[in-house]
Amino acid sequence: MFKITKKSKVMCGLLLLVCCASSAQAASYNLNCKLGGQMRIAYDSGAKKVTGTFTSTSQGTRARSLRSGQCSWVDRPVRGNEPRKFCQRNVRDVIVKVNARSYSLHSRRAPYLAQVKLGGFFSLRVSSRNGCLNVVRVNPFKKARTISGR
């Protein structure tokens, strides 16, 4: 037989609190983008943060309608009240190589930086907070390529 004591009630309450707090995290969604156009990407080496601004499409990316510099949700465009900026924090591994004719960017945490010059598609898992779409993770490029029809 199990005896219910004040201590066991407190322990159950704490366990319930921990479970509820972990499930109350912000929901995240896939944001698909195409580099180029009016998209601006900046890296702040002091804050270790990548930020990018973009324009929205008139449809979701299922319609395969992304143009250079645009981002969209899979099922619909970014709405008027939603941020048109993504932020990726804790990016500590950006390498910039510059020579007289060109430059290149590399990062394992933000692999889309390597494609900035070339253009191309990328996909981010983001949650909206404080006026920015915060990057939860960078999706594999094969997932992003499916939006281009390739």
Protein backbone atom coordinates (compact mmCIF):
# COMPACT_ATOMS: atom_id res chain seq x y z
CA MET A 1 0.00 0.00 0.00
CA PHE A 2 1.23 3.49 -0.85
CA LYS A 3 1.04 6.12 1.87
CA ILE A 4 0.35 9.71 0.75
CA THR A 5 2.37 12.18 2.78
CA LYS A 6 2.92 15.91 2.56
CA LYS A 7 6.34 15.27 1.04
CA SER A 8 4.91 13.04 -1.72
CA LYS A 9 2.28 15.70 -2.54
CA VAL A 10 4.99 18.35 -2.88
CA MET A 11 7.08 16.05 -5.11
CA CYS A 12 4.08 15.34 -7.36
CA GLY A 13 3.35 19.07 -7.59
CA LEU A 14 6.94 19.84 -8.61
CA LEU A 15 6.92 17.06 -11.20
CA LEU A 16 3.69 18.41 -12.68
CA LEU A 17 5.14 21.94 -12.77
CA VAL A 18 8.26 20.77 -14.64
CA CYS A 19 6.17 18.82 -17.18
CA CYS A 20 3.86 21.77 -17.84
CA ALA A 21 6.71 24.29 -18.14
CA SER A 22 8.54 22.22 -20.75
CA SER A 23 5.41 21.82 -22.89
CA ALA A 24 4.67 25.56 -22.75
CA GLN A 25 7.55 26.44 -25.10
CA ALA A 26 6.71 28.51 -28.16
CA ALA A 27 5.51 26.59 -31.19
CA SER A 28 7.92 26.51 -34.13
CA TYR A 29 7.29 26.30 -37.87
CA ASN A 30 9.26 25.88 -41.10
CA LEU A 31 10.18 29.07 -42.92
CA ASN A 32 11.46 28.51 -46.47
CA CYS A 33 13.57 31.16 -48.16
CA LYS A 34 15.42 31.98 -51.35
CA LEU A 35 18.60 34.04 -51.09
CA GLY A 36 19.21 37.11 -53.24
CA GLY A 37 17.04 40.06 -54.21
CA GLN A 38 16.29 42.43 -51.34
CA MET A 39 17.26 39.90 -48.63
CA ARG A 40 19.86 41.27 -46.24
CA ILE A 41 21.91 38.99 -44.01
CA ALA A 42 24.27 40.35 -41.35
CA TYR A 43 26.56 38.72 -38.81
CA ASP A 44 27.34 40.47 -35.52
CA SER A 45 30.58 38.89 -34.28
CA GLY A 46 30.25 40.51 -30.85
CA ALA A 47 26.75 39.17 -30.20
CA LYS A 48 27.44 35.96 -32.21
CA LYS A 49 24.17 36.51 -34.04
CA VAL A 50 23.03 36.23 -37.67
CA THR A 51 20.04 38.35 -38.70
CA GLY A 52 18.27 38.36 -42.02
CA THR A 53 15.50 40.51 -43.44
CA PHE A 54 13.28 39.40 -46.31
CA THR A 55 10.10 40.12 -48.23
CA SER A 56 7.06 37.85 -48.21
CA THR A 57 5.38 36.03 -51.06
CA SER A 58 1.71 36.19 -51.95
CA GLN A 59 1.36 32.40 -51.43
CA GLY A 60 2.86 29.62 -49.35
CA THR A 61 5.88 27.75 -50.69
CA ARG A 62 3.77 24.75 -51.71
CA ALA A 63 2.84 26.90 -54.71
CA ARG A 64 6.57 27.03 -55.61
CA SER A 65 6.37 30.80 -55.88
CA LEU A 66 9.53 31.94 -54.03
CA ARG A 67 11.57 34.61 -55.77
CA SER A 68 15.00 35.90 -54.76
CA GLY A 69 14.91 37.61 -51.36
CA GLN A 70 11.61 36.06 -50.28
CA CYS A 71 10.58 33.77 -47.43
CA SER A 72 7.26 32.10 -46.72
CA TRP A 73 5.56 29.48 -44.59
CA VAL A 74 4.80 26.24 -46.41
CA ASP A 75 1.03 26.71 -46.34
CA ARG A 76 0.70 30.51 -46.54
CA PRO A 77 2.59 33.78 -46.91
CA VAL A 78 4.03 35.66 -43.93
CA ARG A 79 1.15 37.83 -42.65
CA GLY A 80 1.28 41.58 -42.14
CA ASN A 81 1.63 41.34 -38.34
CA GLU A 82 4.40 38.71 -38.46
CA PRO A 83 8.10 39.68 -38.44
CA ARG A 84 10.03 39.76 -41.70
CA LYS A 85 13.31 39.17 -39.92
CA PHE A 86 14.97 35.99 -38.68
CA CYS A 87 17.58 35.85 -35.91
CA GLN A 88 19.97 33.01 -35.18
CA ARG A 89 21.86 33.30 -31.91
CA ASN A 90 25.00 31.53 -30.65
CA VAL A 91 26.61 31.33 -34.09
CA ARG A 92 30.23 31.22 -32.99
CA ASP A 93 31.84 29.51 -35.98
CA VAL A 94 31.54 31.96 -38.90
CA ILE A 95 34.64 32.05 -41.08
CA VAL A 96 34.98 34.88 -43.61
CA LYS A 97 37.59 34.56 -46.35
CA VAL A 98 38.28 37.64 -48.45
CA ASN A 99 40.60 38.15 -51.40
CA ALA A 100 40.94 40.89 -54.02
CA ARG A 101 38.15 39.52 -56.22
CA SER A 102 35.74 37.71 -53.96
CA TYR A 103 34.73 36.48 -50.52
CA SER A 104 33.25 33.35 -48.96
CA LEU A 105 31.38 32.61 -45.74
CA HIS A 106 31.28 29.32 -43.85
CA SER A 107 29.48 28.15 -40.71
CA ARG A 108 28.28 24.76 -39.50
CA ARG A 109 25.60 26.38 -37.32
CA ALA A 110 24.37 28.63 -40.16
CA PRO A 111 25.20 26.67 -43.35
CA TYR A 112 23.02 28.93 -45.53
CA LEU A 113 25.75 31.59 -45.23
CA ALA A 114 27.89 29.62 -47.69
CA GLN A 115 25.23 30.20 -50.35
CA VAL A 116 24.86 33.97 -49.90
CA LYS A 117 26.84 34.75 -53.07
CA LEU A 118 25.33 31.95 -55.12
CA GLY A 119 21.69 32.32 -54.20
CA GLY A 120 19.63 29.23 -53.56
CA PHE A 121 17.07 27.93 -51.13
CA PHE A 122 17.25 27.28 -47.40
CA SER A 123 14.78 26.28 -44.71
CA LEU A 124 14.68 27.30 -41.04
CA ARG A 125 12.62 26.07 -38.10
CA VAL A 126 11.59 29.28 -36.31
CA SER A 127 9.48 30.56 -33.43
CA SER A 128 8.27 34.14 -33.22
CA ARG A 129 9.43 36.20 -30.24
CA ASN A 130 10.35 39.84 -29.61
CA GLY A 131 9.81 41.00 -33.20
CA CYS A 132 12.06 38.33 -34.69
CA LEU A 133 11.62 34.82 -36.08
CA ASN A 134 14.11 33.03 -33.83
CA VAL A 135 15.90 30.10 -35.45
CA VAL A 136 15.32 26.88 -33.53
CA ARG A 137 17.29 24.85 -36.10
CA VAL A 138 18.45 24.96 -39.70
CA ASN A 139 16.65 22.32 -41.75
CA PRO A 140 18.62 20.12 -44.16
CA PHE A 141 19.01 21.66 -47.61
CA LYS A 142 17.29 18.69 -49.27
CA LYS A 143 14.11 19.79 -47.48
CA ALA A 144 14.54 23.34 -48.77
CA ARG A 145 15.16 22.09 -52.31
CA THR A 146 11.74 20.48 -52.44
CA ILE A 147 10.20 23.95 -52.55
CA SER A 148 11.96 24.79 -55.81
CA GLY A 149 10.56 21.81 -57.68
CA ARG A 150 13.98 20.13 -57.94
